[in-house]
Amino acid sequence: MATSPPTAPEPADQPLLRLSLSALEQASADPAIWRRAEVHQALLVSGLSTLLAAIGAVRRDLERPAEG
């Protein structure tokens, strides 16, 4: 009998990512926003956080024992 896989809890950085994307969406209406260094820094930090979260998810998947 097949069982459904357990749902994974939402990563702790997921709300921060959603907030960052929402802020960028709102700010992108003003083309001048892209001249600000803080925007570039925020994009880099958000991108790196997303990359690290993805690496962690892949690592957890690889460390999980094979089923079947």
PDB file of N, CA and C in Angstrom:
ATOM      1  N   MET A   1       0.853  -1.171   0.000  1.00  0.00           N
ATOM      2  CA  MET A   1       0.000   0.000   0.000  1.00  0.00           C
ATOM      3  C   MET A   1       0.896   1.230   0.000  1.00  0.00           C
ATOM      4  N   ALA A   2       0.641   2.137  -0.907  1.00  0.00           N
ATOM      5  CA  ALA A   2       1.442   3.356  -1.024  1.00  0.00           C
ATOM      6  C   ALA A   2       0.964   4.400  -0.023  1.00  0.00           C
ATOM      7  N   THR A   3       1.903   5.070   0.563  1.00  0.00           N
ATOM      8  CA  THR A   3       1.551   6.159   1.474  1.00  0.00           C
ATOM      9  C   THR A   3       2.014   7.462   0.855  1.00  0.00           C
ATOM     10  N   SER A   4       1.285   8.515   1.152  1.00  0.00           N
ATOM     11  CA  SER A   4       1.672   9.812   0.597  1.00  0.00           C
ATOM     12  C   SER A   4       2.878  10.341   1.356  1.00  0.00           C
ATOM     13  N   PRO A   5       3.774  11.016   0.657  1.00  0.00           N
ATOM     14  CA  PRO A   5       4.967  11.545   1.332  1.00  0.00           C
ATOM     15  C   PRO A   5       4.571  12.638   2.320  1.00  0.00           C
ATOM     16  N   PRO A   6       5.302  12.731   3.420  1.00  0.00           N
ATOM     17  CA  PRO A   6       4.982  13.791   4.391  1.00  0.00           C
ATOM     18  C   PRO A   6       5.254  15.161   3.787  1.00  0.00           C
ATOM     19  N   THR A   7       4.429  16.110   4.165  1.00  0.00           N
ATOM     20  CA  THR A   7       4.641  17.467   3.666  1.00  0.00           C
ATOM     21  C   THR A   7       5.786  18.096   4.440  1.00  0.00           C
ATOM     22  N   ALA A   8       6.642  18.743   3.723  1.00  0.00           N
ATOM     23  CA  ALA A   8       7.801  19.380   4.342  1.00  0.00           C
ATOM     24  C   ALA A   8       7.383  20.710   4.949  1.00  0.00           C
ATOM     25  N   PRO A   9       7.924  21.042   6.111  1.00  0.00           N
ATOM     26  CA  PRO A   9       7.616  22.350   6.685  1.00  0.00           C
ATOM     27  C   PRO A   9       8.203  23.454   5.811  1.00  0.00           C
ATOM     28  N   GLU A  10       7.569  24.599   5.844  1.00  0.00           N
ATOM     29  CA  GLU A  10       8.051  25.732   5.053  1.00  0.00           C
ATOM     30  C   GLU A  10       9.396  26.188   5.605  1.00  0.00           C
ATOM     31  N   PRO A  11      10.403  26.336   4.729  1.00  0.00           N
ATOM     32  CA  PRO A  11      11.717  26.800   5.204  1.00  0.00           C
ATOM     33  C   PRO A  11      11.601  28.162   5.889  1.00  0.00           C
ATOM     34  N   ALA A  12      12.464  28.396   6.841  1.00  0.00           N
ATOM     35  CA  ALA A  12      12.402  29.632   7.628  1.00  0.00           C
ATOM     36  C   ALA A  12      12.610  30.876   6.774  1.00  0.00           C
ATOM     37  N   ASP A  13      13.356  30.750   5.677  1.00  0.00           N
ATOM     38  CA  ASP A  13      13.618  31.929   4.855  1.00  0.00           C
ATOM     39  C   ASP A  13      12.550  32.170   3.793  1.00  0.00           C
ATOM     40  N   GLN A  14      11.548  31.298   3.707  1.00  0.00           N
ATOM     41  CA  GLN A  14      10.504  31.449   2.696  1.00  0.00           C
ATOM     42  C   GLN A  14       9.711  32.752   2.862  1.00  0.00           C
ATOM     43  N   PRO A  15       9.269  33.121   4.071  1.00  0.00           N
ATOM     44  CA  PRO A  15       8.554  34.406   4.208  1.00  0.00           C
ATOM     45  C   PRO A  15       9.427  35.599   3.815  1.00  0.00           C
ATOM     46  N   LEU A  16      10.704  35.556   4.137  1.00  0.00           N
ATOM     47  CA  LEU A  16      11.617  36.640   3.768  1.00  0.00           C
ATOM     48  C   LEU A  16      11.737  36.731   2.251  1.00  0.00           C
ATOM     49  N   LEU A  17      11.800  35.593   1.596  1.00  0.00           N
ATOM     50  CA  LEU A  17      11.884  35.585   0.136  1.00  0.00           C
ATOM     51  C   LEU A  17      10.624  36.195  -0.475  1.00  0.00           C
ATOM     52  N   ARG A  18       9.456  35.798   0.025  1.00  0.00           N
ATOM     53  CA  ARG A  18       8.201  36.361  -0.496  1.00  0.00           C
ATOM     54  C   ARG A  18       8.138  37.861  -0.268  1.00  0.00           C
ATOM     55  N   LEU A  19       8.568  38.302   0.899  1.00  0.00           N
ATOM     56  CA  LEU A  19       8.569  39.724   1.212  1.00  0.00           C
ATOM     57  C   LEU A  19       9.518  40.486   0.290  1.00  0.00           C
ATOM     58  N   SER A  20      10.697  39.919   0.049  1.00  0.00           N
ATOM     59  CA  SER A  20      11.673  40.555  -0.841  1.00  0.00           C
ATOM     60  C   SER A  20      11.125  40.676  -2.259  1.00  0.00           C
ATOM     61  N   LEU A  21      10.515  39.609  -2.749  1.00  0.00           N
ATOM     62  CA  LEU A  21       9.959  39.649  -4.103  1.00  0.00           C
ATOM     63  C   LEU A  21       8.819  40.648  -4.213  1.00  0.00           C
ATOM     64  N   SER A  22       8.002  40.722  -3.181  1.00  0.00           N
ATOM     65  CA  SER A  22       6.900  41.679  -3.180  1.00  0.00           C
ATOM     66  C   SER A  22       7.426  43.110  -3.191  1.00  0.00           C
ATOM     67  N   ALA A  23       8.438  43.374  -2.383  1.00  0.00           N
ATOM     68  CA  ALA A  23       9.015  44.718  -2.334  1.00  0.00           C
ATOM     69  C   ALA A  23       9.655  45.083  -3.666  1.00  0.00           C
ATOM     70  N   LEU A  24      10.338  44.123  -4.289  1.00  0.00           N
ATOM     71  CA  LEU A  24      10.948  44.395  -5.587  1.00  0.00           C
ATOM     72  C   LEU A  24       9.890  44.641  -6.664  1.00  0.00           C
ATOM     73  N   GLU A  25       8.807  43.902  -6.588  1.00  0.00           N
ATOM     74  CA  GLU A  25       7.730  44.104  -7.560  1.00  0.00           C
ATOM     75  C   GLU A  25       7.153  45.512  -7.437  1.00  0.00           C
ATOM     76  N   GLN A  26       6.931  45.953  -6.209  1.00  0.00           N
ATOM     77  CA  GLN A  26       6.396  47.289  -5.994  1.00  0.00           C
ATOM     78  C   GLN A  26       7.409  48.364  -6.400  1.00  0.00           C
ATOM     79  N   ALA A  27       8.655  48.142  -6.073  1.00  0.00           N
ATOM     80  CA  ALA A  27       9.687  49.139  -6.363  1.00  0.00           C
ATOM     81  C   ALA A  27      10.031  49.197  -7.843  1.00  0.00           C
ATOM     82  N   SER A  28       9.826  48.109  -8.557  1.00  0.00           N
ATOM     83  CA  SER A  28      10.240  48.082  -9.957  1.00  0.00           C
ATOM     84  C   SER A  28       9.405  49.000 -10.839  1.00  0.00           C
ATOM     85  N   ALA A  29       8.315  49.529 -10.309  1.00  0.00           N
ATOM     86  CA  ALA A  29       7.515  50.490 -11.072  1.00  0.00           C
ATOM     87  C   ALA A  29       8.295  51.785 -11.294  1.00  0.00           C
ATOM     88  N   ASP A  30       9.287  52.027 -10.457  1.00  0.00           N
ATOM     89  CA  ASP A  30      10.114  53.233 -10.567  1.00  0.00           C
ATOM     90  C   ASP A  30      11.478  52.837 -11.138  1.00  0.00           C
ATOM     91  N   PRO A  31      11.751  53.154 -12.404  1.00  0.00           N
ATOM     92  CA  PRO A  31      13.024  52.754 -13.012  1.00  0.00           C
ATOM     93  C   PRO A  31      14.253  53.293 -12.274  1.00  0.00           C
ATOM     94  N   ALA A  32      14.117  54.390 -11.569  1.00  0.00           N
ATOM     95  CA  ALA A  32      15.256  54.964 -10.858  1.00  0.00           C
ATOM     96  C   ALA A  32      15.722  54.072  -9.703  1.00  0.00           C
ATOM     97  N   ILE A  33      14.870  53.156  -9.270  1.00  0.00           N
ATOM     98  CA  ILE A  33      15.222  52.293  -8.130  1.00  0.00           C
ATOM     99  C   ILE A  33      16.466  51.455  -8.438  1.00  0.00           C
ATOM    100  N   TRP A  34      16.683  51.154  -9.725  1.00  0.00           N
ATOM    101  CA  TRP A  34      17.799  50.291 -10.089  1.00  0.00           C
ATOM    102  C   TRP A  34      19.144  51.001  -9.992  1.00  0.00           C
ATOM    103  N   ARG A  35      19.141  52.289  -9.759  1.00  0.00           N
ATOM    104  CA  ARG A  35      20.398  53.032  -9.580  1.00  0.00           C
ATOM    105  C   ARG A  35      20.898  52.960  -8.138  1.00  0.00           C
ATOM    106  N   ARG A  36      20.072  52.471  -7.250  1.00  0.00           N
ATOM    107  CA  ARG A  36      20.433  52.438  -5.824  1.00  0.00           C
ATOM    108  C   ARG A  36      21.212  51.169  -5.495  1.00  0.00           C
ATOM    109  N   ALA A  37      22.326  51.350  -4.812  1.00  0.00           N
ATOM    110  CA  ALA A  37      23.180  50.211  -4.445  1.00  0.00           C
ATOM    111  C   ALA A  37      22.465  49.246  -3.500  1.00  0.00           C
ATOM    112  N   GLU A  38      21.571  49.760  -2.650  1.00  0.00           N
ATOM    113  CA  GLU A  38      20.877  48.900  -1.697  1.00  0.00           C
ATOM    114  C   GLU A  38      20.012  47.859  -2.420  1.00  0.00           C
ATOM    115  N   VAL A  39      19.466  48.245  -3.555  1.00  0.00           N
ATOM    116  CA  VAL A  39      18.631  47.312  -4.314  1.00  0.00           C
ATOM    117  C   VAL A  39      19.490  46.172  -4.855  1.00  0.00           C
ATOM    118  N   HIS A  40      20.650  46.507  -5.362  1.00  0.00           N
ATOM    119  CA  HIS A  40      21.557  45.478  -5.873  1.00  0.00           C
ATOM    120  C   HIS A  40      22.020  44.560  -4.741  1.00  0.00           C
ATOM    121  N   GLN A  41      22.311  45.135  -3.589  1.00  0.00           N
ATOM    122  CA  GLN A  41      22.723  44.329  -2.436  1.00  0.00           C
ATOM    123  C   GLN A  41      21.599  43.411  -1.984  1.00  0.00           C
ATOM    124  N   ALA A  42      20.388  43.931  -1.952  1.00  0.00           N
ATOM    125  CA  ALA A  42      19.237  43.117  -1.540  1.00  0.00           C
ATOM    126  C   ALA A  42      19.018  41.959  -2.511  1.00  0.00           C
ATOM    127  N   LEU A  43      19.171  42.215  -3.803  1.00  0.00           N
ATOM    128  CA  LEU A  43      19.027  41.152  -4.790  1.00  0.00           C
ATOM    129  C   LEU A  43      20.099  40.080  -4.607  1.00  0.00           C
ATOM    130  N   LEU A  44      21.318  40.507  -4.348  1.00  0.00           N
ATOM    131  CA  LEU A  44      22.391  39.532  -4.132  1.00  0.00           C
ATOM    132  C   LEU A  44      22.132  38.683  -2.891  1.00  0.00           C
ATOM    133  N   VAL A  45      21.732  39.331  -1.811  1.00  0.00           N
ATOM    134  CA  VAL A  45      21.467  38.595  -0.568  1.00  0.00           C
ATOM    135  C   VAL A  45      20.297  37.636  -0.756  1.00  0.00           C
ATOM    136  N   SER A  46      19.234  38.101  -1.404  1.00  0.00           N
ATOM    137  CA  SER A  46      18.080  37.236  -1.641  1.00  0.00           C
ATOM    138  C   SER A  46      18.462  36.057  -2.526  1.00  0.00           C
ATOM    139  N   GLY A  47      19.228  36.335  -3.573  1.00  0.00           N
ATOM    140  CA  GLY A  47      19.658  35.258  -4.462  1.00  0.00           C
ATOM    141  C   GLY A  47      20.539  34.246  -3.761  1.00  0.00           C
ATOM    142  N   LEU A  48      21.461  34.731  -2.954  1.00  0.00           N
ATOM    143  CA  LEU A  48      22.337  33.812  -2.213  1.00  0.00           C
ATOM    144  C   LEU A  48      21.554  33.008  -1.181  1.00  0.00           C
ATOM    145  N   SER A  49      20.593  33.637  -0.523  1.00  0.00           N
ATOM    146  CA  SER A  49      19.763  32.919   0.448  1.00  0.00           C
ATOM    147  C   SER A  49      18.964  31.819  -0.235  1.00  0.00           C
ATOM    148  N   THR A  50      18.433  32.134  -1.405  1.00  0.00           N
ATOM    149  CA  THR A  50      17.674  31.136  -2.162  1.00  0.00           C
ATOM    150  C   THR A  50      18.581  29.992  -2.597  1.00  0.00           C
ATOM    151  N   LEU A  51      19.775  30.322  -3.078  1.00  0.00           N
ATOM    152  CA  LEU A  51      20.726  29.298  -3.481  1.00  0.00           C
ATOM    153  C   LEU A  51      21.096  28.389  -2.310  1.00  0.00           C
ATOM    154  N   LEU A  52      21.369  28.979  -1.159  1.00  0.00           N
ATOM    155  CA  LEU A  52      21.731  28.182   0.020  1.00  0.00           C
ATOM    156  C   LEU A  52      20.574  27.287   0.464  1.00  0.00           C
ATOM    157  N   ALA A  53      19.353  27.806   0.408  1.00  0.00           N
ATOM    158  CA  ALA A  53      18.190  26.994   0.768  1.00  0.00           C
ATOM    159  C   ALA A  53      18.030  25.828  -0.202  1.00  0.00           C
ATOM    160  N   ALA A  54      18.254  26.076  -1.482  1.00  0.00           N
ATOM    161  CA  ALA A  54      18.143  25.012  -2.484  1.00  0.00           C
ATOM    162  C   ALA A  54      19.227  23.952  -2.268  1.00  0.00           C
ATOM    163  N   ILE A  55      20.436  24.390  -1.979  1.00  0.00           N
ATOM    164  CA  ILE A  55      21.518  23.444  -1.712  1.00  0.00           C
ATOM    165  C   ILE A  55      21.178  22.594  -0.492  1.00  0.00           C
ATOM    166  N   GLY A  56      20.618  23.222   0.542  1.00  0.00           N
ATOM    167  CA  GLY A  56      20.219  22.475   1.736  1.00  0.00           C
ATOM    168  C   GLY A  56      19.145  21.445   1.430  1.00  0.00           C
ATOM    169  N   ALA A  57      18.180  21.813   0.589  1.00  0.00           N
ATOM    170  CA  ALA A  57      17.115  20.877   0.224  1.00  0.00           C
ATOM    171  C   ALA A  57      17.682  19.696  -0.564  1.00  0.00           C
ATOM    172  N   VAL A  58      18.585  19.976  -1.493  1.00  0.00           N
ATOM    173  CA  VAL A  58      19.205  18.899  -2.272  1.00  0.00           C
ATOM    174  C   VAL A  58      20.034  17.996  -1.359  1.00  0.00           C
ATOM    175  N   ARG A  59      20.778  18.600  -0.443  1.00  0.00           N
ATOM    176  CA  ARG A  59      21.595  17.809   0.485  1.00  0.00           C
ATOM    177  C   ARG A  59      20.714  16.895   1.339  1.00  0.00           C
ATOM    178  N   ARG A  60      19.582  17.430   1.844  1.00  0.00           N
ATOM    179  CA  ARG A  60      18.674  16.598   2.648  1.00  0.00           C
ATOM    180  C   ARG A  60      18.125  15.445   1.818  1.00  0.00           C
ATOM    181  N   ASP A  61      17.771  15.731   0.567  1.00  0.00           N
ATOM    182  CA  ASP A  61      17.257  14.674  -0.304  1.00  0.00           C
ATOM    183  C   ASP A  61      18.316  13.602  -0.557  1.00  0.00           C
ATOM    184  N   LEU A  62      19.556  14.015  -0.755  1.00  0.00           N
ATOM    185  CA  LEU A  62      20.617  13.063  -1.028  1.00  0.00           C
ATOM    186  C   LEU A  62      20.962  12.224   0.211  1.00  0.00           C
ATOM    187  N   GLU A  63      20.806  12.797   1.388  1.00  0.00           N
ATOM    188  CA  GLU A  63      21.138  12.086   2.619  1.00  0.00           C
ATOM    189  C   GLU A  63      20.018  11.167   3.087  1.00  0.00           C
ATOM    190  N   ARG A  64      18.819  11.383   2.544  1.00  0.00           N
ATOM    191  CA  ARG A  64      17.672  10.549   2.923  1.00  0.00           C
ATOM    192  C   ARG A  64      17.882   9.146   2.359  1.00  0.00           C
ATOM    193  N   PRO A  65      17.617   8.121   3.182  1.00  0.00           N
ATOM    194  CA  PRO A  65      17.785   6.754   2.670  1.00  0.00           C
ATOM    195  C   PRO A  65      16.804   6.485   1.531  1.00  0.00           C
ATOM    196  N   ALA A  66      17.264   5.704   0.569  1.00  0.00           N
ATOM    197  CA  ALA A  66      16.431   5.360  -0.586  1.00  0.00           C
ATOM    198  C   ALA A  66      15.264   4.486  -0.141  1.00  0.00           C
ATOM    199  N   GLU A  67      14.104   4.783  -0.707  1.00  0.00           N
ATOM    200  CA  GLU A  67      12.917   3.981  -0.399  1.00  0.00           C
ATOM    201  C   GLU A  67      12.720   2.948  -1.497  1.00  0.00           C
ATOM    202  N   GLY A  68      12.205   1.810  -1.122  1.00  0.00           N
ATOM    203  CA  GLY A  68      11.856   0.827  -2.142  1.00  0.00           C
ATOM    204  C   GLY A  68      12.747  -0.301  -2.096  1.00  0.00           C
TER     205      GLY A  68
END
